[in-house]
Amino acid sequence: MTHRSLVELVFDQDCPHVSLARDVLRAALVATGRPVRWHEWDRHAAGTPVELRNYGSPTILVAGNDVADTDGPAFVDGVDRCRLYEDRGVLVGAPPLDRVIAALARNTDAFHDSDGPDLPA
């Protein structure tokens, strides 16, 4: 079984919104006082767990849960798809900062039990 980190970014290499997602993730971790670390999963890489391959790009997961699960279907059955998110009535290319912060806050205890993610950002 593949080791899964507490905070993860799932993406396609050619997705134009990956940098924005990294910026949002970094800002959320700083805002919540968490270490600025996460694991990145390229959906097409051989080592990416099967259960992550069908997410749209980019997707941020905290404790295995999609931070923006209210935006409709996140799964795309292996088809490359840039994922858009609604933020105050506007479509944006990454999950809104407040949703990422809320997901991190809901999982406070998990950070104390984590052995630390893999990617210093």
PDB file of N, CA and C in Angstrom:
ATOM      1  N   MET A   1       0.830  -1.181   0.000  1.00  0.00           N
ATOM      2  CA  MET A   1       0.000   0.000   0.000  1.00  0.00           C
ATOM      3  C   MET A   1       0.879   1.250   0.000  1.00  0.00           C
ATOM      4  N   THR A   2       0.506   2.248  -0.789  1.00  0.00           N
ATOM      5  CA  THR A   2       1.259   3.480  -0.901  1.00  0.00           C
ATOM      6  C   THR A   2       1.011   4.368   0.306  1.00  0.00           C
ATOM      7  N   HIS A   3       2.088   4.930   0.851  1.00  0.00           N
ATOM      8  CA  HIS A   3       1.966   5.872   1.960  1.00  0.00           C
ATOM      9  C   HIS A   3       1.267   7.129   1.453  1.00  0.00           C
ATOM     10  N   ARG A   4       0.279   7.586   2.186  1.00  0.00           N
ATOM     11  CA  ARG A   4      -0.455   8.790   1.823  1.00  0.00           C
ATOM     12  C   ARG A   4      -0.190   9.855   2.873  1.00  0.00           C
ATOM     13  N   SER A   5       0.123  11.045   2.431  1.00  0.00           N
ATOM     14  CA  SER A   5       0.375  12.179   3.315  1.00  0.00           C
ATOM     15  C   SER A   5      -0.929  12.826   3.747  1.00  0.00           C
ATOM     16  N   LEU A   6      -0.850  13.629   4.777  1.00  0.00           N
ATOM     17  CA  LEU A   6      -2.031  14.313   5.293  1.00  0.00           C
ATOM     18  C   LEU A   6      -2.548  15.355   4.311  1.00  0.00           C
ATOM     19  N   VAL A   7      -1.647  16.071   3.651  1.00  0.00           N
ATOM     20  CA  VAL A   7      -2.026  17.105   2.681  1.00  0.00           C
ATOM     21  C   VAL A   7      -1.449  16.700   1.329  1.00  0.00           C
ATOM     22  N   GLU A   8      -2.343  16.685   0.316  1.00  0.00           N
ATOM     23  CA  GLU A   8      -1.937  16.208  -1.006  1.00  0.00           C
ATOM     24  C   GLU A   8      -2.488  17.112  -2.099  1.00  0.00           C
ATOM     25  N   LEU A   9      -1.721  17.223  -3.168  1.00  0.00           N
ATOM     26  CA  LEU A   9      -2.141  17.946  -4.360  1.00  0.00           C
ATOM     27  C   LEU A   9      -2.111  16.966  -5.523  1.00  0.00           C
ATOM     28  N   VAL A  10      -3.259  16.795  -6.174  1.00  0.00           N
ATOM     29  CA  VAL A  10      -3.381  15.909  -7.331  1.00  0.00           C
ATOM     30  C   VAL A  10      -3.495  16.796  -8.567  1.00  0.00           C
ATOM     31  N   PHE A  11      -2.707  16.501  -9.607  1.00  0.00           N
ATOM     32  CA  PHE A  11      -2.676  17.406 -10.757  1.00  0.00           C
ATOM     33  C   PHE A  11      -2.262  16.680 -12.034  1.00  0.00           C
ATOM     34  N   ASP A  12      -2.510  17.359 -13.157  1.00  0.00           N
ATOM     35  CA  ASP A  12      -1.966  16.961 -14.456  1.00  0.00           C
ATOM     36  C   ASP A  12      -0.815  17.901 -14.771  1.00  0.00           C
ATOM     37  N   GLN A  13       0.243  17.383 -15.388  1.00  0.00           N
ATOM     38  CA  GLN A  13       1.417  18.197 -15.712  1.00  0.00           C
ATOM     39  C   GLN A  13       1.075  19.438 -16.526  1.00  0.00           C
ATOM     40  N   ASP A  14       0.106  19.333 -17.423  1.00  0.00           N
ATOM     41  CA  ASP A  14      -0.192  20.454 -18.310  1.00  0.00           C
ATOM     42  C   ASP A  14      -1.333  21.344 -17.820  1.00  0.00           C
ATOM     43  N   CYS A  15      -1.785  21.154 -16.604  1.00  0.00           N
ATOM     44  CA  CYS A  15      -2.870  21.968 -16.056  1.00  0.00           C
ATOM     45  C   CYS A  15      -2.363  23.393 -15.793  1.00  0.00           C
ATOM     46  N   PRO A  16      -3.060  24.404 -16.316  1.00  0.00           N
ATOM     47  CA  PRO A  16      -2.600  25.779 -16.120  1.00  0.00           C
ATOM     48  C   PRO A  16      -2.847  26.333 -14.719  1.00  0.00           C
ATOM     49  N   HIS A  17      -3.539  25.571 -13.860  1.00  0.00           N
ATOM     50  CA  HIS A  17      -3.906  26.090 -12.541  1.00  0.00           C
ATOM     51  C   HIS A  17      -3.102  25.482 -11.385  1.00  0.00           C
ATOM     52  N   VAL A  18      -2.109  24.668 -11.699  1.00  0.00           N
ATOM     53  CA  VAL A  18      -1.338  24.010 -10.642  1.00  0.00           C
ATOM     54  C   VAL A  18      -0.587  25.031  -9.786  1.00  0.00           C
ATOM     55  N   SER A  19       0.011  26.029 -10.394  1.00  0.00           N
ATOM     56  CA  SER A  19       0.747  27.046  -9.620  1.00  0.00           C
ATOM     57  C   SER A  19      -0.173  27.787  -8.667  1.00  0.00           C
ATOM     58  N   LEU A  20      -1.375  28.121  -9.132  1.00  0.00           N
ATOM     59  CA  LEU A  20      -2.351  28.788  -8.264  1.00  0.00           C
ATOM     60  C   LEU A  20      -2.732  27.877  -7.095  1.00  0.00           C
ATOM     61  N   ALA A  21      -2.941  26.602  -7.367  1.00  0.00           N
ATOM     62  CA  ALA A  21      -3.281  25.656  -6.299  1.00  0.00           C
ATOM     63  C   ALA A  21      -2.146  25.565  -5.279  1.00  0.00           C
ATOM     64  N   ARG A  22      -0.910  25.553  -5.740  1.00  0.00           N
ATOM     65  CA  ARG A  22       0.235  25.528  -4.815  1.00  0.00           C
ATOM     66  C   ARG A  22       0.258  26.794  -3.961  1.00  0.00           C
ATOM     67  N   ASP A  23      -0.014  27.942  -4.585  1.00  0.00           N
ATOM     68  CA  ASP A  23      -0.027  29.212  -3.840  1.00  0.00           C
ATOM     69  C   ASP A  23      -1.117  29.203  -2.765  1.00  0.00           C
ATOM     70  N   VAL A  24      -2.305  28.716  -3.118  1.00  0.00           N
ATOM     71  CA  VAL A  24      -3.411  28.641  -2.161  1.00  0.00           C
ATOM     72  C   VAL A  24      -3.050  27.696  -1.024  1.00  0.00           C
ATOM     73  N   LEU A  25      -2.498  26.550  -1.365  1.00  0.00           N
ATOM     74  CA  LEU A  25      -2.126  25.560  -0.353  1.00  0.00           C
ATOM     75  C   LEU A  25      -1.067  26.122   0.592  1.00  0.00           C
ATOM     76  N   ARG A  26      -0.071  26.755   0.026  1.00  0.00           N
ATOM     77  CA  ARG A  26       0.989  27.367   0.847  1.00  0.00           C
ATOM     78  C   ARG A  26       0.392  28.418   1.794  1.00  0.00           C
ATOM     79  N   ALA A  27      -0.475  29.293   1.270  1.00  0.00           N
ATOM     80  CA  ALA A  27      -1.085  30.349   2.086  1.00  0.00           C
ATOM     81  C   ALA A  27      -1.954  29.761   3.200  1.00  0.00           C
ATOM     82  N   ALA A  28      -2.685  28.696   2.896  1.00  0.00           N
ATOM     83  CA  ALA A  28      -3.548  28.070   3.903  1.00  0.00           C
ATOM     84  C   ALA A  28      -2.717  27.433   5.011  1.00  0.00           C
ATOM     85  N   LEU A  29      -1.642  26.769   4.650  1.00  0.00           N
ATOM     86  CA  LEU A  29      -0.787  26.145   5.657  1.00  0.00           C
ATOM     87  C   LEU A  29      -0.147  27.210   6.550  1.00  0.00           C
ATOM     88  N   VAL A  30       0.315  28.291   5.959  1.00  0.00           N
ATOM     89  CA  VAL A  30       0.903  29.385   6.743  1.00  0.00           C
ATOM     90  C   VAL A  30      -0.161  29.993   7.657  1.00  0.00           C
ATOM     91  N   ALA A  31      -1.350  30.248   7.116  1.00  0.00           N
ATOM     92  CA  ALA A  31      -2.420  30.880   7.898  1.00  0.00           C
ATOM     93  C   ALA A  31      -2.846  30.037   9.090  1.00  0.00           C
ATOM     94  N   THR A  32      -2.729  28.714   8.979  1.00  0.00           N
ATOM     95  CA  THR A  32      -3.135  27.833  10.073  1.00  0.00           C
ATOM     96  C   THR A  32      -1.957  27.393  10.946  1.00  0.00           C
ATOM     97  N   GLY A  33      -0.776  27.898  10.651  1.00  0.00           N
ATOM     98  CA  GLY A  33       0.390  27.571  11.463  1.00  0.00           C
ATOM     99  C   GLY A  33       0.909  26.159  11.260  1.00  0.00           C
ATOM    100  N   ARG A  34       0.558  25.565  10.153  1.00  0.00           N
ATOM    101  CA  ARG A  34       1.012  24.199   9.848  1.00  0.00           C
ATOM    102  C   ARG A  34       2.337  24.251   9.089  1.00  0.00           C
ATOM    103  N   PRO A  35       3.085  23.169   9.131  1.00  0.00           N
ATOM    104  CA  PRO A  35       4.298  23.108   8.301  1.00  0.00           C
ATOM    105  C   PRO A  35       3.909  23.232   6.823  1.00  0.00           C
ATOM    106  N   VAL A  36       4.691  23.964   6.079  1.00  0.00           N
ATOM    107  CA  VAL A  36       4.407  24.169   4.659  1.00  0.00           C
ATOM    108  C   VAL A  36       5.010  23.003   3.883  1.00  0.00           C
ATOM    109  N   ARG A  37       4.278  21.868   3.955  1.00  0.00           N
ATOM    110  CA  ARG A  37       4.697  20.623   3.301  1.00  0.00           C
ATOM    111  C   ARG A  37       3.454  19.902   2.825  1.00  0.00           C
ATOM    112  N   TRP A  38       3.588  19.230   1.689  1.00  0.00           N
ATOM    113  CA  TRP A  38       2.518  18.379   1.176  1.00  0.00           C
ATOM    114  C   TRP A  38       3.124  17.420   0.173  1.00  0.00           C
ATOM    115  N   HIS A  39       2.339  16.466  -0.244  1.00  0.00           N
ATOM    116  CA  HIS A  39       2.785  15.528  -1.272  1.00  0.00           C
ATOM    117  C   HIS A  39       2.040  15.829  -2.559  1.00  0.00           C
ATOM    118  N   GLU A  40       2.758  15.806  -3.661  1.00  0.00           N
ATOM    119  CA  GLU A  40       2.138  16.025  -4.964  1.00  0.00           C
ATOM    120  C   GLU A  40       2.049  14.716  -5.731  1.00  0.00           C
ATOM    121  N   TRP A  41       0.890  14.520  -6.366  1.00  0.00           N
ATOM    122  CA  TRP A  41       0.635  13.329  -7.172  1.00  0.00           C
ATOM    123  C   TRP A  41       0.305  13.739  -8.603  1.00  0.00           C
ATOM    124  N   ASP A  42       1.174  13.403  -9.533  1.00  0.00           N
ATOM    125  CA  ASP A  42       0.880  13.555 -10.955  1.00  0.00           C
ATOM    126  C   ASP A  42      -0.065  12.410 -11.311  1.00  0.00           C
ATOM    127  N   ARG A  43      -1.249  12.734 -11.800  1.00  0.00           N
ATOM    128  CA  ARG A  43      -2.255  11.706 -12.059  1.00  0.00           C
ATOM    129  C   ARG A  43      -1.761  10.593 -12.987  1.00  0.00           C
ATOM    130  N   HIS A  44      -0.790  10.891 -13.845  1.00  0.00           N
ATOM    131  CA  HIS A  44      -0.341   9.902 -14.824  1.00  0.00           C
ATOM    132  C   HIS A  44       0.949   9.185 -14.422  1.00  0.00           C
ATOM    133  N   ALA A  45       1.520   9.520 -13.294  1.00  0.00           N
ATOM    134  CA  ALA A  45       2.764   8.894 -12.861  1.00  0.00           C
ATOM    135  C   ALA A  45       2.495   7.477 -12.361  1.00  0.00           C
ATOM    136  N   ALA A  46       3.452   6.614 -12.592  1.00  0.00           N
ATOM    137  CA  ALA A  46       3.303   5.203 -12.237  1.00  0.00           C
ATOM    138  C   ALA A  46       3.040   4.995 -10.751  1.00  0.00           C
ATOM    139  N   GLY A  47       3.620   5.809  -9.887  1.00  0.00           N
ATOM    140  CA  GLY A  47       3.467   5.622  -8.450  1.00  0.00           C
ATOM    141  C   GLY A  47       2.222   6.244  -7.841  1.00  0.00           C
ATOM    142  N   THR A  48       1.422   6.919  -8.634  1.00  0.00           N
ATOM    143  CA  THR A  48       0.213   7.555  -8.106  1.00  0.00           C
ATOM    144  C   THR A  48      -0.834   6.504  -7.772  1.00  0.00           C
ATOM    145  N   PRO A  49      -1.364   6.531  -6.555  1.00  0.00           N
ATOM    146  CA  PRO A  49      -2.381   5.544  -6.176  1.00  0.00           C
ATOM    147  C   PRO A  49      -3.590   5.603  -7.117  1.00  0.00           C
ATOM    148  N   VAL A  50      -4.128   4.443  -7.413  1.00  0.00           N
ATOM    149  CA  VAL A  50      -5.261   4.322  -8.331  1.00  0.00           C
ATOM    150  C   VAL A  50      -6.417   5.211  -7.907  1.00  0.00           C
ATOM    151  N   GLU A  51      -6.678   5.291  -6.615  1.00  0.00           N
ATOM    152  CA  GLU A  51      -7.831   6.064  -6.136  1.00  0.00           C
ATOM    153  C   GLU A  51      -7.685   7.574  -6.382  1.00  0.00           C
ATOM    154  N   LEU A  52      -6.493   8.034  -6.748  1.00  0.00           N
ATOM    155  CA  LEU A  52      -6.293   9.456  -7.015  1.00  0.00           C
ATOM    156  C   LEU A  52      -6.306   9.798  -8.500  1.00  0.00           C
ATOM    157  N   ARG A  53      -6.234   8.816  -9.351  1.00  0.00           N
ATOM    158  CA  ARG A  53      -6.089   9.053 -10.790  1.00  0.00           C
ATOM    159  C   ARG A  53      -7.307   9.663 -11.460  1.00  0.00           C
ATOM    160  N   ASN A  54      -8.468   9.576 -10.851  1.00  0.00           N
ATOM    161  CA  ASN A  54      -9.677  10.085 -11.488  1.00  0.00           C
ATOM    162  C   ASN A  54     -10.100  11.466 -11.012  1.00  0.00           C
ATOM    163  N   TYR A  55      -9.309  12.093 -10.144  1.00  0.00           N
ATOM    164  CA  TYR A  55      -9.629  13.457  -9.734  1.00  0.00           C
ATOM    165  C   TYR A  55      -9.317  14.415 -10.870  1.00  0.00           C
ATOM    166  N   GLY A  56     -10.087  15.505 -10.967  1.00  0.00           N
ATOM    167  CA  GLY A  56      -9.751  16.576 -11.894  1.00  0.00           C
ATOM    168  C   GLY A  56      -8.542  17.330 -11.367  1.00  0.00           C
ATOM    169  N   SER A  57      -7.933  18.132 -12.217  1.00  0.00           N
ATOM    170  CA  SER A  57      -6.712  18.846 -11.857  1.00  0.00           C
ATOM    171  C   SER A  57      -6.969  20.354 -11.816  1.00  0.00           C
ATOM    172  N   PRO A  58      -6.550  20.996 -10.723  1.00  0.00           N
ATOM    173  CA  PRO A  58      -5.933  20.461  -9.520  1.00  0.00           C
ATOM    174  C   PRO A  58      -6.974  20.118  -8.453  1.00  0.00           C
ATOM    175  N   THR A  59      -6.633  19.155  -7.615  1.00  0.00           N
ATOM    176  CA  THR A  59      -7.453  18.800  -6.458  1.00  0.00           C
ATOM    177  C   THR A  59      -6.558  18.814  -5.226  1.00  0.00           C
ATOM    178  N   ILE A  60      -7.032  19.423  -4.153  1.00  0.00           N
ATOM    179  CA  ILE A  60      -6.322  19.416  -2.871  1.00  0.00           C
ATOM    180  C   ILE A  60      -7.092  18.508  -1.923  1.00  0.00           C
ATOM    181  N   LEU A  61      -6.367  17.567  -1.325  1.00  0.00           N
ATOM    182  CA  LEU A  61      -6.947  16.643  -0.354  1.00  0.00           C
ATOM    183  C   LEU A  61      -6.313  16.892   1.009  1.00  0.00           C
ATOM    184  N   VAL A  62      -7.139  16.879   2.045  1.00  0.00           N
ATOM    185  CA  VAL A  62      -6.659  16.947   3.423  1.00  0.00           C
ATOM    186  C   VAL A  62      -7.226  15.731   4.134  1.00  0.00           C
ATOM    187  N   ALA A  63      -6.341  14.918   4.676  1.00  0.00           N
ATOM    188  CA  ALA A  63      -6.731  13.660   5.332  1.00  0.00           C
ATOM    189  C   ALA A  63      -7.578  12.804   4.381  1.00  0.00           C
ATOM    190  N   GLY A  64      -7.230  12.837   3.093  1.00  0.00           N
ATOM    191  CA  GLY A  64      -7.906  12.019   2.099  1.00  0.00           C
ATOM    192  C   GLY A  64      -9.213  12.579   1.585  1.00  0.00           C
ATOM    193  N   ASN A  65      -9.627  13.738   2.080  1.00  0.00           N
ATOM    194  CA  ASN A  65     -10.893  14.338   1.672  1.00  0.00           C
ATOM    195  C   ASN A  65     -10.671  15.551   0.778  1.00  0.00           C
ATOM    196  N   ASP A  66     -11.458  15.618  -0.279  1.00  0.00           N
ATOM    197  CA  ASP A  66     -11.420  16.745  -1.200  1.00  0.00           C
ATOM    198  C   ASP A  66     -11.881  18.002  -0.460  1.00  0.00           C
ATOM    199  N   VAL A  67     -11.065  19.063  -0.474  1.00  0.00           N
ATOM    200  CA  VAL A  67     -11.417  20.274   0.271  1.00  0.00           C
ATOM    201  C   VAL A  67     -12.613  21.003  -0.336  1.00  0.00           C
ATOM    202  N   ALA A  68     -12.948  20.694  -1.569  1.00  0.00           N
ATOM    203  CA  ALA A  68     -14.036  21.406  -2.257  1.00  0.00           C
ATOM    204  C   ALA A  68     -15.100  20.434  -2.746  1.00  0.00           C
ATOM    205  N   ASP A  69     -15.469  19.494  -1.912  1.00  0.00           N
ATOM    206  CA  ASP A  69     -16.370  18.432  -2.352  1.00  0.00           C
ATOM    207  C   ASP A  69     -17.772  18.916  -2.703  1.00  0.00           C
ATOM    208  N   THR A  70     -18.080  20.162  -2.482  1.00  0.00           N
ATOM    209  CA  THR A  70     -19.418  20.664  -2.806  1.00  0.00           C
ATOM    210  C   THR A  70     -19.500  21.236  -4.219  1.00  0.00           C
ATOM    211  N   ASP A  71     -18.406  21.211  -4.957  1.00  0.00           N
ATOM    212  CA  ASP A  71     -18.385  21.807  -6.288  1.00  0.00           C
ATOM    213  C   ASP A  71     -18.846  20.864  -7.395  1.00  0.00           C
ATOM    214  N   GLY A  72     -19.434  19.756  -7.036  1.00  0.00           N
ATOM    215  CA  GLY A  72     -19.861  18.816  -8.066  1.00  0.00           C
ATOM    216  C   GLY A  72     -18.871  17.682  -8.193  1.00  0.00           C
ATOM    217  N   PRO A  73     -19.007  16.906  -9.239  1.00  0.00           N
ATOM    218  CA  PRO A  73     -18.185  15.705  -9.357  1.00  0.00           C
ATOM    219  C   PRO A  73     -16.703  16.030  -9.500  1.00  0.00           C
ATOM    220  N   ALA A  74     -15.905  15.352  -8.697  1.00  0.00           N
ATOM    221  CA  ALA A  74     -14.459  15.526  -8.767  1.00  0.00           C
ATOM    222  C   ALA A  74     -13.827  14.459  -9.640  1.00  0.00           C
ATOM    223  N   PHE A  75     -14.547  13.389  -9.901  1.00  0.00           N
ATOM    224  CA  PHE A  75     -13.988  12.263 -10.632  1.00  0.00           C
ATOM    225  C   PHE A  75     -14.287  12.366 -12.113  1.00  0.00           C
ATOM    226  N   VAL A  76     -13.305  11.979 -12.932  1.00  0.00           N
ATOM    227  CA  VAL A  76     -13.426  12.137 -14.376  1.00  0.00           C
ATOM    228  C   VAL A  76     -13.051  10.882 -15.159  1.00  0.00           C
ATOM    229  N   ASP A  77     -13.048   9.718 -14.524  1.00  0.00           N
ATOM    230  CA  ASP A  77     -12.791   8.441 -15.206  1.00  0.00           C
ATOM    231  C   ASP A  77     -11.599   8.452 -16.149  1.00  0.00           C
ATOM    232  N   GLY A  78     -10.452   8.915 -15.656  1.00  0.00           N
ATOM    233  CA  GLY A  78      -9.213   8.819 -16.406  1.00  0.00           C
ATOM    234  C   GLY A  78      -9.021   9.844 -17.506  1.00  0.00           C
ATOM    235  N   VAL A  79      -9.980  10.722 -17.710  1.00  0.00           N
ATOM    236  CA  VAL A  79      -9.874  11.741 -18.739  1.00  0.00           C
ATOM    237  C   VAL A  79      -9.225  12.982 -18.132  1.00  0.00           C
ATOM    238  N   ASP A  80      -8.249  13.571 -18.836  1.00  0.00           N
ATOM    239  CA  ASP A  80      -7.650  14.811 -18.345  1.00  0.00           C
ATOM    240  C   ASP A  80      -8.713  15.894 -18.321  1.00  0.00           C
ATOM    241  N   ARG A  81      -8.775  16.595 -17.210  1.00  0.00           N
ATOM    242  CA  ARG A  81      -9.761  17.661 -17.086  1.00  0.00           C
ATOM    243  C   ARG A  81      -9.265  18.677 -16.074  1.00  0.00           C
ATOM    244  N   CYS A  82      -9.224  19.927 -16.487  1.00  0.00           N
ATOM    245  CA  CYS A  82      -8.945  20.990 -15.533  1.00  0.00           C
ATOM    246  C   CYS A  82     -10.208  21.212 -14.726  1.00  0.00           C
ATOM    247  N   ARG A  83     -10.022  21.297 -13.455  1.00  0.00           N
ATOM    248  CA  ARG A  83     -11.146  21.467 -12.546  1.00  0.00           C
ATOM    249  C   ARG A  83     -11.276  22.935 -12.178  1.00  0.00           C
ATOM    250  N   LEU A  84     -12.499  23.444 -12.196  1.00  0.00           N
ATOM    251  CA  LEU A  84     -12.766  24.816 -11.782  1.00  0.00           C
ATOM    252  C   LEU A  84     -13.567  24.807 -10.498  1.00  0.00           C
ATOM    253  N   TYR A  85     -13.435  25.874  -9.732  1.00  0.00           N
ATOM    254  CA  TYR A  85     -14.087  26.007  -8.433  1.00  0.00           C
ATOM    255  C   TYR A  85     -14.844  27.319  -8.393  1.00  0.00           C
ATOM    256  N   GLU A  86     -15.926  27.339  -7.653  1.00  0.00           N
ATOM    257  CA  GLU A  86     -16.671  28.588  -7.477  1.00  0.00           C
ATOM    258  C   GLU A  86     -16.192  29.278  -6.207  1.00  0.00           C
ATOM    259  N   ASP A  87     -15.888  30.560  -6.335  1.00  0.00           N
ATOM    260  CA  ASP A  87     -15.473  31.374  -5.196  1.00  0.00           C
ATOM    261  C   ASP A  87     -16.217  32.695  -5.269  1.00  0.00           C
ATOM    262  N   ARG A  88     -17.240  32.845  -4.421  1.00  0.00           N
ATOM    263  CA  ARG A  88     -18.063  34.062  -4.373  1.00  0.00           C
ATOM    264  C   ARG A  88     -18.675  34.380  -5.735  1.00  0.00           C
ATOM    265  N   GLY A  89     -19.181  33.354  -6.402  1.00  0.00           N
ATOM    266  CA  GLY A  89     -19.868  33.524  -7.674  1.00  0.00           C
ATOM    267  C   GLY A  89     -18.970  33.612  -8.899  1.00  0.00           C
ATOM    268  N   VAL A  90     -17.661  33.429  -8.706  1.00  0.00           N
ATOM    269  CA  VAL A  90     -16.706  33.497  -9.810  1.00  0.00           C
ATOM    270  C   VAL A  90     -16.010  32.146  -9.928  1.00  0.00           C
ATOM    271  N   LEU A  91     -15.802  31.674 -11.162  1.00  0.00           N
ATOM    272  CA  LEU A  91     -15.059  30.432 -11.362  1.00  0.00           C
ATOM    273  C   LEU A  91     -13.564  30.723 -11.301  1.00  0.00           C
ATOM    274  N   VAL A  92     -12.859  29.932 -10.495  1.00  0.00           N
ATOM    275  CA  VAL A  92     -11.413  30.084 -10.317  1.00  0.00           C
ATOM    276  C   VAL A  92     -10.747  28.730 -10.514  1.00  0.00           C
ATOM    277  N   GLY A  93      -9.437  28.745 -10.715  1.00  0.00           N
ATOM    278  CA  GLY A  93      -8.716  27.532 -11.065  1.00  0.00           C
ATOM    279  C   GLY A  93      -8.191  26.709  -9.916  1.00  0.00           C
ATOM    280  N   ALA A  94      -8.438  27.123  -8.681  1.00  0.00           N
ATOM    281  CA  ALA A  94      -7.975  26.375  -7.513  1.00  0.00           C
ATOM    282  C   ALA A  94      -9.018  26.508  -6.415  1.00  0.00           C
ATOM    283  N   PRO A  95      -9.021  25.589  -5.457  1.00  0.00           N
ATOM    284  CA  PRO A  95      -9.972  25.713  -4.354  1.00  0.00           C
ATOM    285  C   PRO A  95      -9.794  27.051  -3.638  1.00  0.00           C
ATOM    286  N   PRO A  96     -10.888  27.682  -3.241  1.00  0.00           N
ATOM    287  CA  PRO A  96     -10.782  28.946  -2.504  1.00  0.00           C
ATOM    288  C   PRO A  96     -10.006  28.762  -1.199  1.00  0.00           C
ATOM    289  N   LEU A  97      -9.230  29.769  -0.859  1.00  0.00           N
ATOM    290  CA  LEU A  97      -8.395  29.731   0.339  1.00  0.00           C
ATOM    291  C   LEU A  97      -9.200  29.395   1.582  1.00  0.00           C
ATOM    292  N   ASP A  98     -10.388  29.970   1.742  1.00  0.00           N
ATOM    293  CA  ASP A  98     -11.164  29.716   2.957  1.00  0.00           C
ATOM    294  C   ASP A  98     -11.577  28.253   3.082  1.00  0.00           C
ATOM    295  N   ARG A  99     -11.804  27.577   1.974  1.00  0.00           N
ATOM    296  CA  ARG A  99     -12.149  26.146   2.050  1.00  0.00           C
ATOM    297  C   ARG A  99     -10.947  25.296   2.458  1.00  0.00           C
ATOM    298  N   VAL A 100      -9.784  25.660   1.969  1.00  0.00           N
ATOM    299  CA  VAL A 100      -8.580  24.903   2.347  1.00  0.00           C
ATOM    300  C   VAL A 100      -8.275  25.120   3.821  1.00  0.00           C
ATOM    301  N   ILE A 101      -8.390  26.360   4.279  1.00  0.00           N
ATOM    302  CA  ILE A 101      -8.171  26.656   5.698  1.00  0.00           C
ATOM    303  C   ILE A 101      -9.167  25.884   6.562  1.00  0.00           C
ATOM    304  N   ALA A 102     -10.432  25.859   6.151  1.00  0.00           N
ATOM    305  CA  ALA A 102     -11.458  25.129   6.918  1.00  0.00           C
ATOM    306  C   ALA A 102     -11.139  23.638   6.970  1.00  0.00           C
ATOM    307  N   ALA A 103     -10.684  23.070   5.865  1.00  0.00           N
ATOM    308  CA  ALA A 103     -10.336  21.640   5.845  1.00  0.00           C
ATOM    309  C   ALA A 103      -9.158  21.361   6.765  1.00  0.00           C
ATOM    310  N   LEU A 104      -8.176  22.231   6.768  1.00  0.00           N
ATOM    311  CA  LEU A 104      -7.024  22.062   7.669  1.00  0.00           C
ATOM    312  C   LEU A 104      -7.469  22.180   9.125  1.00  0.00           C
ATOM    313  N   ALA A 105      -8.347  23.127   9.408  1.00  0.00           N
ATOM    314  CA  ALA A 105      -8.837  23.319  10.781  1.00  0.00           C
ATOM    315  C   ALA A 105      -9.639  22.116  11.266  1.00  0.00           C
ATOM    316  N   ARG A 106     -10.407  21.490  10.372  1.00  0.00           N
ATOM    317  CA  ARG A 106     -11.196  20.302  10.749  1.00  0.00           C
ATOM    318  C   ARG A 106     -10.306  19.117  11.093  1.00  0.00           C
ATOM    319  N   ASN A 107      -9.074  19.154  10.668  1.00  0.00           N
ATOM    320  CA  ASN A 107      -8.178  18.008  10.852  1.00  0.00           C
ATOM    321  C   ASN A 107      -6.994  18.338  11.745  1.00  0.00           C
ATOM    322  N   THR A 108      -7.197  19.193  12.714  1.00  0.00           N
ATOM    323  CA  THR A 108      -6.121  19.624  13.605  1.00  0.00           C
ATOM    324  C   THR A 108      -5.437  18.447  14.285  1.00  0.00           C
ATOM    325  N   ASP A 109      -6.215  17.510  14.802  1.00  0.00           N
ATOM    326  CA  ASP A 109      -5.626  16.371  15.509  1.00  0.00           C
ATOM    327  C   ASP A 109      -4.747  15.523  14.605  1.00  0.00           C
ATOM    328  N   ALA A 110      -5.111  15.416  13.359  1.00  0.00           N
ATOM    329  CA  ALA A 110      -4.345  14.592  12.434  1.00  0.00           C
ATOM    330  C   ALA A 110      -2.941  15.143  12.239  1.00  0.00           C
ATOM    331  N   PHE A 111      -2.762  16.457  12.351  1.00  0.00           N
ATOM    332  CA  PHE A 111      -1.435  17.033  12.192  1.00  0.00           C
ATOM    333  C   PHE A 111      -0.508  16.616  13.318  1.00  0.00           C
ATOM    334  N   HIS A 112      -1.053  16.409  14.486  1.00  0.00           N
ATOM    335  CA  HIS A 112      -0.216  15.990  15.607  1.00  0.00           C
ATOM    336  C   HIS A 112       0.224  14.540  15.462  1.00  0.00           C
ATOM    337  N   ASP A 113      -0.543  13.753  14.724  1.00  0.00           N
ATOM    338  CA  ASP A 113      -0.230  12.330  14.548  1.00  0.00           C
ATOM    339  C   ASP A 113       0.544  12.059  13.269  1.00  0.00           C
ATOM    340  N   SER A 114       0.714  13.074  12.428  1.00  0.00           N
ATOM    341  CA  SER A 114       1.338  12.885  11.118  1.00  0.00           C
ATOM    342  C   SER A 114       2.846  12.772  11.271  1.00  0.00           C
ATOM    343  N   ASP A 115       3.437  11.935  10.423  1.00  0.00           N
ATOM    344  CA  ASP A 115       4.887  11.835  10.413  1.00  0.00           C
ATOM    345  C   ASP A 115       5.496  12.858   9.462  1.00  0.00           C
ATOM    346  N   GLY A 116       4.668  13.730   8.908  1.00  0.00           N
ATOM    347  CA  GLY A 116       5.167  14.807   8.048  1.00  0.00           C
ATOM    348  C   GLY A 116       5.116  14.452   6.592  1.00  0.00           C
ATOM    349  N   PRO A 117       4.494  15.289   5.793  1.00  0.00           N
ATOM    350  CA  PRO A 117       4.455  15.083   4.354  1.00  0.00           C
ATOM    351  C   PRO A 117       5.819  15.225   3.716  1.00  0.00           C
ATOM    352  N   ASP A 118       5.852  15.092   2.426  1.00  0.00           N
ATOM    353  CA  ASP A 118       7.077  14.859   1.702  1.00  0.00           C
ATOM    354  C   ASP A 118       7.665  16.036   0.955  1.00  0.00           C
ATOM    355  N   LEU A 119       6.882  17.064   0.675  1.00  0.00           N
ATOM    356  CA  LEU A 119       7.331  18.107  -0.217  1.00  0.00           C
ATOM    357  C   LEU A 119       7.449  19.431   0.515  1.00  0.00           C
ATOM    358  N   PRO A 120       8.669  19.931   0.761  1.00  0.00           N
ATOM    359  CA  PRO A 120       8.775  21.271   1.303  1.00  0.00           C
ATOM    360  C   PRO A 120       8.419  22.241   0.191  1.00  0.00           C
ATOM    361  N   ALA A 121       7.545  23.174   0.475  1.00  0.00           N
ATOM    362  CA  ALA A 121       7.051  24.046  -0.605  1.00  0.00           C
ATOM    363  C   ALA A 121       7.788  25.347  -0.653  1.00  0.00           C
TER     364      ALA A 121
END
